[in-house]
Amino acid sequence: MTDPERMTVHLDLSLGTALTLSEAWLLYTHPNGAVQDVRRAAVVHDASGPRLGVGSALGRRGLEKALEALAPRAFALLHPHILASDGRRMVFYTPPETRSLRFDSGDPALNALDGHTFPQPALVFEVQGKRVRVAALRGKNRPGAGTPLYRAPYFNVFQTTLVCWGNTFTPPGTDPANPLVWRDAFFSSSFTHQSCPLAPAKFGGSHAELWRAAEKQGKFDSKWLRPLEERGRGLTLEGWLRQVG
């Protein structure tokens, strides 16, 4: 294209309705691919065809309105365990409960517990696409921004709190009306290996002995939970979410 303002456009949307090319969005990117600025330009139509008119900053609100028009968010009632949701990212918690655990590890003693039910601590999950993080909570109350978080006491959870899914089926989407499908997917997976250099819990024994002790006590003792830390300081729910926010 010799003239930077001239363009040739061919559209076949098969909608049966005449469409008008009215404006274009121009994305200015950093060499690393990150979008630095978004501008909108009117499309001027003359005898020689469409061309870009004067551009202007789209702005955050304008971008949000445009995206909303292209992909409107469904209106839905929130599940009572939802803590935050924007349609793409969802945070929810689960109170202490009893769940069966699946084990397929290199430890015969742990594998002998496969399918047994054990008391679990309260948990908080953050879901964004297929990226899921999980942390533990003390107590059973709904957490707030300043609630301290603890390491989820499970295999297959990285030091970053990301879940290693392996070949486990994961639910599609982040429906704020039904977040517990992600909890169910987590507990239906097989825990195969310790993914974090730190032991999953502060317990003076093996991982199998940890779950046998929880079974014997009838609860997961909160003193076994290892605090989540960043730069030597304990992480709260708000701080944890800001790590990827």
Foldseek 3Di string as FASTA:
>chain_A
DPDQFDDDDDDDPVPPDDDDQFKDKDFDADPVGHTDFIKMFTWDQDPVGTTTHDIDGCDPVNVVVVVCVVPPDDDDDFDPQWDDDDQQKTKGKDAKDKDFAAADEPDPLQNVSGRPIFIAHIKMWMDGFNKIFMWGAPDGDRFDQFGFTFFGQAAQAELLRTGNLPPQDADGGCDRRDNCSRVVSVRVGYRYGHRYPDHSWQDDDDSSVQRVVRRVVVHNDPNGTHFRDDPRHGDGNNNSVVVPD
